[in-house]
PDB file of N, CA and C in Angstrom:
ATOM      1  N   MET A   1     108.882  62.319  88.265  1.00  0.00           N
ATOM      2  CA  MET A   1     110.435  62.833  87.820  1.00  0.00           C
ATOM      3  C   MET A   1     110.495  63.329  88.770  1.00  0.00           C
ATOM      4  N   SER A   2     111.596  63.433  89.200  1.00  0.00           N
ATOM      5  CA  SER A   2     112.329  64.383  90.481  1.00  0.00           C
ATOM      6  C   SER A   2     112.898  65.775  89.553  1.00  0.00           C
ATOM      7  N   GLU A   3     112.957  66.642  90.014  1.00  0.00           N
ATOM      8  CA  GLU A   3     113.812  67.543  89.337  1.00  0.00           C
ATOM      9  C   GLU A   3     115.901  67.852  89.772  1.00  0.00           C
ATOM     10  N   PRO A   4     116.465  67.981  88.938  1.00  0.00           N
ATOM     11  CA  PRO A   4     118.011  68.062  89.281  1.00  0.00           C
ATOM     12  C   PRO A   4     118.039  69.086  90.369  1.00  0.00           C
ATOM     13  N   PRO A   5     118.899  68.670  90.946  1.00  0.00           N
ATOM     14  CA  PRO A   5     119.354  69.848  92.561  1.00  0.00           C
ATOM     15  C   PRO A   5     119.803  71.320  91.858  1.00  0.00           C
ATOM     16  N   ARG A   6     119.074  72.079  92.120  1.00  0.00           N
ATOM     17  CA  ARG A   6     119.220  73.199  91.853  1.00  0.00           C
ATOM     18  C   ARG A   6     120.745  73.954  92.246  1.00  0.00           C
ATOM     19  N   SER A   7     121.472  74.860  91.667  1.00  0.00           N
ATOM     20  CA  SER A   7     122.468  75.490  91.733  1.00  0.00           C
ATOM     21  C   SER A   7     122.620  76.747  92.658  1.00  0.00           C
ATOM     22  N   ARG A   8     123.581  77.162  93.199  1.00  0.00           N
ATOM     23  CA  ARG A   8     123.413  78.069  94.194  1.00  0.00           C
ATOM     24  C   ARG A   8     123.149  79.177  93.180  1.00  0.00           C
ATOM     25  N   SER A   9     123.800  79.497  92.487  1.00  0.00           N
ATOM     26  CA  SER A   9     123.012  80.267  91.342  1.00  0.00           C
ATOM     27  C   SER A   9     122.212  80.407  90.603  1.00  0.00           C
ATOM     28  N   ASP A  10     121.078  79.881  90.953  1.00  0.00           N
ATOM     29  CA  ASP A  10     120.284  79.884  90.250  1.00  0.00           C
ATOM     30  C   ASP A  10     119.070  80.555  90.582  1.00  0.00           C
ATOM     31  N   PRO A  11     119.304  81.209  89.220  1.00  0.00           N
ATOM     32  CA  PRO A  11     117.973  82.691  89.670  1.00  0.00           C
ATOM     33  C   PRO A  11     116.837  82.375  89.985  1.00  0.00           C
ATOM     34  N   SER A  12     116.091  81.437  90.099  1.00  0.00           N
ATOM     35  CA  SER A  12     114.836  80.672  90.535  1.00  0.00           C
ATOM     36  C   SER A  12     114.940  80.547  91.504  1.00  0.00           C
ATOM     37  N   ARG A  13     115.704  80.623  92.746  1.00  0.00           N
ATOM     38  CA  ARG A  13     115.679  80.393  94.058  1.00  0.00           C
ATOM     39  C   ARG A  13     115.852  81.984  94.645  1.00  0.00           C
ATOM     40  N   SER A  14     114.846  81.845  95.576  1.00  0.00           N
ATOM     41  CA  SER A  14     114.629  83.348  96.382  1.00  0.00           C
ATOM     42  C   SER A  14     115.374  83.934  97.196  1.00  0.00           C
ATOM     43  N   ALA A  15     115.434  85.066  96.733  1.00  0.00           N
ATOM     44  CA  ALA A  15     116.861  85.757  97.271  1.00  0.00           C
ATOM     45  C   ALA A  15     115.990  86.628  98.694  1.00  0.00           C
ATOM     46  N   VAL A  16     115.101  86.208  99.150  1.00  0.00           N
ATOM     47  CA  VAL A  16     114.380  87.195 100.429  1.00  0.00           C
ATOM     48  C   VAL A  16     114.896  86.077 101.458  1.00  0.00           C
ATOM     49  N   PRO A  17     115.599  86.411 102.617  1.00  0.00           N
ATOM     50  CA  PRO A  17     115.765  86.482 103.845  1.00  0.00           C
ATOM     51  C   PRO A  17     115.420  86.016 104.350  1.00  0.00           C
ATOM     52  N   ARG A  18     115.571  84.597 105.511  1.00  0.00           N
ATOM     53  CA  ARG A  18     114.353  84.248 106.552  1.00  0.00           C
ATOM     54  C   ARG A  18     114.367  85.343 107.391  1.00  0.00           C
ATOM     55  N   PRO A  19     112.753  85.311 107.988  1.00  0.00           N
ATOM     56  CA  PRO A  19     112.831  86.908 108.847  1.00  0.00           C
ATOM     57  C   PRO A  19     113.724  85.683 110.224  1.00  0.00           C
ATOM     58  N   ARG A  20     113.822  87.092 110.626  1.00  0.00           N
ATOM     59  CA  ARG A  20     114.875  86.767 111.980  1.00  0.00           C
ATOM     60  C   ARG A  20     113.632  86.676 113.343  1.00  0.00           C
ATOM     61  N   ARG A  21     114.266  85.896 114.157  1.00  0.00           N
ATOM     62  CA  ARG A  21     113.045  85.768 115.448  1.00  0.00           C
ATOM     63  C   ARG A  21     113.724  87.269 116.309  1.00  0.00           C
ATOM     64  N   SER A  22     112.296  87.875 116.324  1.00  0.00           N
ATOM     65  CA  SER A  22     112.654  89.286 117.180  1.00  0.00           C
ATOM     66  C   SER A  22     113.106  89.184 118.824  1.00  0.00           C
ATOM     67  N   ALA A  23     113.485  89.786 119.062  1.00  0.00           N
ATOM     68  CA  ALA A  23     114.228  90.341 120.597  1.00  0.00           C
ATOM     69  C   ALA A  23     113.319  89.419 121.962  1.00  0.00           C
ATOM     70  N   ALA A  24     111.780  89.573 121.887  1.00  0.00           N
ATOM     71  CA  ALA A  24     110.922  88.898 122.339  1.00  0.00           C
ATOM     72  C   ALA A  24     110.844  87.395 122.303  1.00  0.00           C
ATOM     73  N   LEU A  25     111.030  87.433 121.417  1.00  0.00           N
ATOM     74  CA  LEU A  25     110.814  85.508 121.322  1.00  0.00           C
ATOM     75  C   LEU A  25     112.273  84.895 121.678  1.00  0.00           C
ATOM     76  N   ARG A  26     113.082  85.735 121.944  1.00  0.00           N
ATOM     77  CA  ARG A  26     114.720  84.778 122.584  1.00  0.00           C
ATOM     78  C   ARG A  26     114.437  84.606 123.781  1.00  0.00           C
ATOM     79  N   PRO A  27     115.241  83.817 124.364  1.00  0.00           N
ATOM     80  CA  PRO A  27     115.068  83.785 125.837  1.00  0.00           C
ATOM     81  C   PRO A  27     116.475  84.489 126.101  1.00  0.00           C
ATOM     82  N   PRO A  28     115.718  84.907 127.973  1.00  0.00           N
ATOM     83  CA  PRO A  28     116.759  85.824 127.917  1.00  0.00           C
ATOM     84  C   PRO A  28     118.024  85.266 128.592  1.00  0.00           C
ATOM     85  N   VAL A  29     119.050  86.051 128.218  1.00  0.00           N
ATOM     86  CA  VAL A  29     120.684  85.298 128.707  1.00  0.00           C
ATOM     87  C   VAL A  29     121.064  86.021 129.999  1.00  0.00           C
ATOM     88  N   PRO A  30     121.015  84.966 130.798  1.00  0.00           N
ATOM     89  CA  PRO A  30     121.233  85.389 132.421  1.00  0.00           C
ATOM     90  C   PRO A  30     122.578  85.788 132.593  1.00  0.00           C
ATOM     91  N   ASN A  31     122.484  86.795 133.578  1.00  0.00           N
ATOM     92  CA  ASN A  31     123.767  87.549 133.945  1.00  0.00           C
ATOM     93  C   ASN A  31     124.661  86.477 135.061  1.00  0.00           C
ATOM     94  N   ARG A  32     125.624  86.179 134.366  1.00  0.00           N
ATOM     95  CA  ARG A  32     126.539  85.394 135.368  1.00  0.00           C
ATOM     96  C   ARG A  32     127.301  86.757 135.999  1.00  0.00           C
ATOM     97  N   PRO A  33     127.831  86.243 137.414  1.00  0.00           N
ATOM     98  CA  PRO A  33     128.963  86.669 137.954  1.00  0.00           C
ATOM     99  C   PRO A  33     130.011  87.017 137.776  1.00  0.00           C
ATOM    100  N   ARG A  34     131.063  87.447 137.558  1.00  0.00           N
ATOM    101  CA  ARG A  34     131.957  87.605 137.177  1.00  0.00           C
ATOM    102  C   ARG A  34     133.075  86.196 138.034  1.00  0.00           C
ATOM    103  N   VAL A  35     133.749  85.742 137.849  1.00  0.00           N
ATOM    104  CA  VAL A  35     134.671  84.906 138.828  1.00  0.00           C
ATOM    105  C   VAL A  35     136.060  85.580 139.021  1.00  0.00           C
ATOM    106  N   ASP A  36     135.921  85.401 140.713  1.00  0.00           N
ATOM    107  CA  ASP A  36     137.406  85.667 140.759  1.00  0.00           C
ATOM    108  C   ASP A  36     138.040  85.360 140.998  1.00  0.00           C
ATOM    109  N   THR A  37     139.324  84.882 140.362  1.00  0.00           N
ATOM    110  CA  THR A  37     140.676  84.650 140.334  1.00  0.00           C
ATOM    111  C   THR A  37     141.559  84.207 141.649  1.00  0.00           C
ATOM    112  N   ASN A  38     140.968  85.177 141.925  1.00  0.00           N
ATOM    113  CA  ASN A  38     142.274  85.625 143.264  1.00  0.00           C
ATOM    114  C   ASN A  38     141.602  84.894 144.429  1.00  0.00           C
ATOM    115  N   SER A  39     139.870  84.338 144.809  1.00  0.00           N
ATOM    116  CA  SER A  39     139.928  83.748 145.600  1.00  0.00           C
ATOM    117  C   SER A  39     139.850  82.353 146.040  1.00  0.00           C
ATOM    118  N   PRO A  40     140.205  81.997 147.160  1.00  0.00           N
ATOM    119  CA  PRO A  40     140.872  80.568 148.111  1.00  0.00           C
ATOM    120  C   PRO A  40     140.111  79.438 147.122  1.00  0.00           C
ATOM    121  N   GLU A  41     138.452  80.117 146.719  1.00  0.00           N
ATOM    122  CA  GLU A  41     137.725  78.672 146.523  1.00  0.00           C
ATOM    123  C   GLU A  41     138.561  78.341 144.830  1.00  0.00           C
ATOM    124  N   TYR A  42     138.562  79.148 144.562  1.00  0.00           N
ATOM    125  CA  TYR A  42     139.062  78.903 143.175  1.00  0.00           C
ATOM    126  C   TYR A  42     140.194  78.666 142.554  1.00  0.00           C
ATOM    127  N   LYS A  43     141.130  79.260 143.381  1.00  0.00           N
ATOM    128  CA  LYS A  43     142.754  78.437 143.453  1.00  0.00           C
ATOM    129  C   LYS A  43     142.405  76.992 143.648  1.00  0.00           C
ATOM    130  N   ARG A  44     141.671  76.515 144.505  1.00  0.00           N
ATOM    131  CA  ARG A  44     141.667  75.123 145.032  1.00  0.00           C
ATOM    132  C   ARG A  44     141.169  74.325 143.843  1.00  0.00           C
ATOM    133  N   ALA A  45     140.036  75.075 143.743  1.00  0.00           N
ATOM    134  CA  ALA A  45     139.221  74.167 142.026  1.00  0.00           C
ATOM    135  C   ALA A  45     140.420  74.104 141.241  1.00  0.00           C
ATOM    136  N   ALA A  46     140.823  75.458 140.933  1.00  0.00           N
ATOM    137  CA  ALA A  46     141.909  75.420 139.921  1.00  0.00           C
ATOM    138  C   ALA A  46     143.251  73.828 139.716  1.00  0.00           C
ATOM    139  N   ARG A  47     143.798  73.851 141.270  1.00  0.00           N
ATOM    140  CA  ARG A  47     145.160  73.362 141.518  1.00  0.00           C
ATOM    141  C   ARG A  47     144.292  71.476 141.213  1.00  0.00           C
ATOM    142  N   ASN A  48     142.929  71.351 141.696  1.00  0.00           N
ATOM    143  CA  ASN A  48     142.222  69.942 141.398  1.00  0.00           C
ATOM    144  C   ASN A  48     142.258  69.954 140.024  1.00  0.00           C
ATOM    145  N   TYR A  49     141.988  70.434 139.206  1.00  0.00           N
ATOM    146  CA  TYR A  49     141.882  70.880 137.872  1.00  0.00           C
ATOM    147  C   TYR A  49     143.069  70.052 137.514  1.00  0.00           C
ATOM    148  N   THR A  50     144.007  70.802 137.544  1.00  0.00           N
ATOM    149  CA  THR A  50     145.499  70.897 137.032  1.00  0.00           C
ATOM    150  C   THR A  50     146.222  69.285 137.695  1.00  0.00           C
ATOM    151  N   ARG A  51     145.764  69.229 138.618  1.00  0.00           N
ATOM    152  CA  ARG A  51     146.367  67.968 139.069  1.00  0.00           C
ATOM    153  C   ARG A  51     145.811  66.649 138.963  1.00  0.00           C
ATOM    154  N   THR A  52     144.494  66.916 138.298  1.00  0.00           N
ATOM    155  CA  THR A  52     143.768  65.396 137.766  1.00  0.00           C
ATOM    156  C   THR A  52     144.219  65.790 135.900  1.00  0.00           C
ATOM    157  N   LEU A  53     144.552  66.599 135.543  1.00  0.00           N
ATOM    158  CA  LEU A  53     145.014  66.765 134.554  1.00  0.00           C
ATOM    159  C   LEU A  53     146.217  66.178 134.291  1.00  0.00           C
ATOM    160  N   VAL A  54     147.077  66.097 135.104  1.00  0.00           N
ATOM    161  CA  VAL A  54     148.221  65.357 135.398  1.00  0.00           C
ATOM    162  C   VAL A  54     148.494  64.351 135.414  1.00  0.00           C
ATOM    163  N   ALA A  55     147.508  63.652 136.351  1.00  0.00           N
ATOM    164  CA  ALA A  55     147.592  62.503 136.735  1.00  0.00           C
ATOM    165  C   ALA A  55     146.859  61.702 135.981  1.00  0.00           C
ATOM    166  N   LEU A  56     145.811  61.943 135.181  1.00  0.00           N
ATOM    167  CA  LEU A  56     145.360  60.976 134.368  1.00  0.00           C
ATOM    168  C   LEU A  56     146.078  60.469 133.556  1.00  0.00           C
ATOM    169  N   PRO A  57     146.822  61.184 132.300  1.00  0.00           N
ATOM    170  CA  PRO A  57     147.435  60.276 131.737  1.00  0.00           C
ATOM    171  C   PRO A  57     148.716  59.296 132.183  1.00  0.00           C
ATOM    172  N   ILE A  58     149.040  59.798 133.266  1.00  0.00           N
ATOM    173  CA  ILE A  58     150.220  59.098 134.265  1.00  0.00           C
ATOM    174  C   ILE A  58     149.222  57.521 134.493  1.00  0.00           C
ATOM    175  N   LEU A  59     148.336  57.587 134.772  1.00  0.00           N
ATOM    176  CA  LEU A  59     147.135  56.682 135.663  1.00  0.00           C
ATOM    177  C   LEU A  59     146.941  55.411 134.455  1.00  0.00           C
ATOM    178  N   ILE A  60     146.351  56.303 133.142  1.00  0.00           N
ATOM    179  CA  ILE A  60     146.438  55.434 132.482  1.00  0.00           C
ATOM    180  C   ILE A  60     147.050  54.471 131.526  1.00  0.00           C
ATOM    181  N   VAL A  61     148.413  55.805 131.326  1.00  0.00           N
ATOM    182  CA  VAL A  61     149.633  54.652 130.465  1.00  0.00           C
ATOM    183  C   VAL A  61     150.272  53.324 131.779  1.00  0.00           C
ATOM    184  N   THR A  62     150.539  54.051 133.042  1.00  0.00           N
ATOM    185  CA  THR A  62     150.428  52.911 134.312  1.00  0.00           C
ATOM    186  C   THR A  62     149.797  51.788 134.056  1.00  0.00           C
ATOM    187  N   SER A  63     148.216  51.926 134.302  1.00  0.00           N
ATOM    188  CA  SER A  63     147.524  50.988 133.767  1.00  0.00           C
ATOM    189  C   SER A  63     147.393  49.725 133.109  1.00  0.00           C
ATOM    190  N   TRP A  64     147.864  50.403 131.714  1.00  0.00           N
ATOM    191  CA  TRP A  64     147.635  49.639 130.335  1.00  0.00           C
ATOM    192  C   TRP A  64     148.998  48.569 130.962  1.00  0.00           C
ATOM    193  N   TYR A  65     150.167  49.422 131.235  1.00  0.00           N
ATOM    194  CA  TYR A  65     151.276  48.441 131.259  1.00  0.00           C
ATOM    195  C   TYR A  65     151.528  47.432 132.299  1.00  0.00           C
ATOM    196  N   LEU A  66     150.468  47.640 133.361  1.00  0.00           N
ATOM    197  CA  LEU A  66     150.473  46.371 134.443  1.00  0.00           C
ATOM    198  C   LEU A  66     149.326  45.627 134.103  1.00  0.00           C
ATOM    199  N   PHE A  67     147.889  45.962 132.928  1.00  0.00           N
ATOM    200  CA  PHE A  67     147.157  45.417 132.711  1.00  0.00           C
ATOM    201  C   PHE A  67     147.983  44.273 131.372  1.00  0.00           C
ATOM    202  N   ASP A  68     149.153  44.774 131.209  1.00  0.00           N
ATOM    203  CA  ASP A  68     149.639  44.289 129.635  1.00  0.00           C
ATOM    204  C   ASP A  68     150.260  43.003 130.246  1.00  0.00           C
ATOM    205  N   ARG A  69     151.116  43.300 131.417  1.00  0.00           N
ATOM    206  CA  ARG A  69     151.745  42.238 132.291  1.00  0.00           C
ATOM    207  C   ARG A  69     150.749  41.197 132.811  1.00  0.00           C
ATOM    208  N   LEU A  70     149.775  41.479 133.753  1.00  0.00           N
ATOM    209  CA  LEU A  70     149.736  40.907 134.523  1.00  0.00           C
ATOM    210  C   LEU A  70     148.394  39.628 134.043  1.00  0.00           C
ATOM    211  N   ALA A  71     147.710  40.966 132.735  1.00  0.00           N
ATOM    212  CA  ALA A  71     146.255  39.738 132.009  1.00  0.00           C
ATOM    213  C   ALA A  71     146.897  39.239 130.746  1.00  0.00           C
ATOM    214  N   LEU A  72     147.628  40.127 130.421  1.00  0.00           N
ATOM    215  CA  LEU A  72     148.060  39.320 128.556  1.00  0.00           C
ATOM    216  C   LEU A  72     149.409  38.309 128.779  1.00  0.00           C
ATOM    217  N   GLY A  73     149.892  38.362 130.187  1.00  0.00           N
ATOM    218  CA  GLY A  73     150.985  37.542 130.304  1.00  0.00           C
ATOM    219  C   GLY A  73     152.679  38.190 129.925  1.00  0.00           C
ATOM    220  N   ASN A  74     152.533  39.603 129.395  1.00  0.00           N
ATOM    221  CA  ASN A  74     154.212  39.596 128.522  1.00  0.00           C
ATOM    222  C   ASN A  74     154.712  39.920 129.567  1.00  0.00           C
ATOM    223  N   GLN A  75     155.919  40.069 129.345  1.00  0.00           N
ATOM    224  CA  GLN A  75     157.390  39.805 130.379  1.00  0.00           C
ATOM    225  C   GLN A  75     157.250  41.478 130.453  1.00  0.00           C
ATOM    226  N   GLN A  76     158.181  41.921 131.724  1.00  0.00           N
ATOM    227  CA  GLN A  76     158.412  43.078 131.974  1.00  0.00           C
ATOM    228  C   GLN A  76     159.684  43.546 131.249  1.00  0.00           C
ATOM    229  N   LYS A  77     159.758  44.637 131.310  1.00  0.00           N
ATOM    230  CA  LYS A  77     160.907  45.443 130.011  1.00  0.00           C
ATOM    231  C   LYS A  77     162.262  44.943 131.428  1.00  0.00           C
ATOM    232  N   VAL A  78     162.712  44.784 130.779  1.00  0.00           N
ATOM    233  CA  VAL A  78     164.078  45.030 131.490  1.00  0.00           C
ATOM    234  C   VAL A  78     165.304  46.526 131.151  1.00  0.00           C
ATOM    235  N   LEU A  79     165.287  47.048 132.064  1.00  0.00           N
ATOM    236  CA  LEU A  79     166.625  48.513 131.296  1.00  0.00           C
ATOM    237  C   LEU A  79     167.553  48.109 131.535  1.00  0.00           C
ATOM    238  N   LEU A  80     169.065  48.664 130.346  1.00  0.00           N
ATOM    239  CA  LEU A  80     170.145  47.583 130.495  1.00  0.00           C
ATOM    240  C   LEU A  80     171.082  48.968 131.449  1.00  0.00           C
ATOM    241  N   ASP A  81     171.819  48.752 132.617  1.00  0.00           N
ATOM    242  CA  ASP A  81     172.761  49.566 132.738  1.00  0.00           C
ATOM    243  C   ASP A  81     173.553  50.464 131.856  1.00  0.00           C
ATOM    244  N   PRO A  82     173.354  51.550 131.925  1.00  0.00           N
ATOM    245  CA  PRO A  82     174.003  52.020 131.213  1.00  0.00           C
ATOM    246  C   PRO A  82     175.772  51.922 131.099  1.00  0.00           C
ATOM    247  N   SER A  83     176.184  51.799 132.179  1.00  0.00           N
ATOM    248  CA  SER A  83     177.656  51.644 132.552  1.00  0.00           C
ATOM    249  C   SER A  83     178.491  50.028 132.341  1.00  0.00           C
ATOM    250  N   ALA A  84     177.583  49.299 132.208  1.00  0.00           N
ATOM    251  CA  ALA A  84     178.133  48.178 131.719  1.00  0.00           C
ATOM    252  C   ALA A  84     178.766  48.050 130.238  1.00  0.00           C
ATOM    253  N   THR A  85     179.352  47.503 130.199  1.00  0.00           N
ATOM    254  CA  THR A  85     179.841  47.290 128.371  1.00  0.00           C
ATOM    255  C   THR A  85     179.780  45.745 127.807  1.00  0.00           C
ATOM    256  N   PRO A  86     179.807  46.042 126.721  1.00  0.00           N
ATOM    257  CA  PRO A  86     179.519  44.762 126.248  1.00  0.00           C
ATOM    258  C   PRO A  86     180.931  43.724 126.143  1.00  0.00           C
ATOM    259  N   ALA A  87     181.026  42.231 126.777  1.00  0.00           N
ATOM    260  CA  ALA A  87     181.970  42.036 126.868  1.00  0.00           C
ATOM    261  C   ALA A  87     182.886  41.431 125.584  1.00  0.00           C
ATOM    262  N   SER A  88     182.368  41.798 124.810  1.00  0.00           N
ATOM    263  CA  SER A  88     183.635  42.051 123.351  1.00  0.00           C
ATOM    264  C   SER A  88     184.181  42.886 122.902  1.00  0.00           C
ATOM    265  N   SER A  89     183.884  44.202 124.216  1.00  0.00           N
ATOM    266  CA  SER A  89     184.720  45.591 123.600  1.00  0.00           C
ATOM    267  C   SER A  89     185.670  45.769 124.913  1.00  0.00           C
ATOM    268  N   VAL A  90     185.541  44.855 125.785  1.00  0.00           N
ATOM    269  CA  VAL A  90     186.061  45.438 127.070  1.00  0.00           C
ATOM    270  C   VAL A  90     187.811  45.555 126.621  1.00  0.00           C
ATOM    271  N   GLY A  91     188.112  44.741 125.999  1.00  0.00           N
ATOM    272  CA  GLY A  91     190.042  44.550 125.591  1.00  0.00           C
ATOM    273  C   GLY A  91     190.036  45.650 124.243  1.00  0.00           C
ATOM    274  N   GLU A  92     189.413  46.085 123.648  1.00  0.00           N
ATOM    275  CA  GLU A  92     189.295  46.461 121.917  1.00  0.00           C
ATOM    276  C   GLU A  92     189.478  47.870 122.046  1.00  0.00           C
ATOM    277  N   LYS A  93     190.962  47.885 121.200  1.00  0.00           N
ATOM    278  CA  LYS A  93     190.827  49.700 121.140  1.00  0.00           C
ATOM    279  C   LYS A  93     190.406  50.244 119.524  1.00  0.00           C
ATOM    280  N   ARG A  94     189.931  51.025 119.662  1.00  0.00           N
ATOM    281  CA  ARG A  94     189.508  51.480 118.430  1.00  0.00           C
ATOM    282  C   ARG A  94     190.543  52.604 118.049  1.00  0.00           C
ATOM    283  N   GLY A  95     190.497  52.615 116.594  1.00  0.00           N
ATOM    284  CA  GLY A  95     191.265  53.527 115.734  1.00  0.00           C
ATOM    285  C   GLY A  95     191.663  53.582 114.816  1.00  0.00           C
TER     286      GLY A  95
END
């Protein structure tokens, strides 16, 4: 038979905290040099990163639409000319 699960307020649970690892056992934290944000290398990397983040969504969407047309056989969407008016409303006056 198994015991029912104990609740957090169960007094039979130990109130003793876990022992902490001493500083001698912790791995040393490397001292990283500060990044100079005004350096040409940093600015070049930032431009490339920004360019990639802007281009990826455009590339993914246009690739999907091209795949949809070429591989799946769907028709190309046609944009309507906003200056063209329907033939039925050419001679009508509203009022």
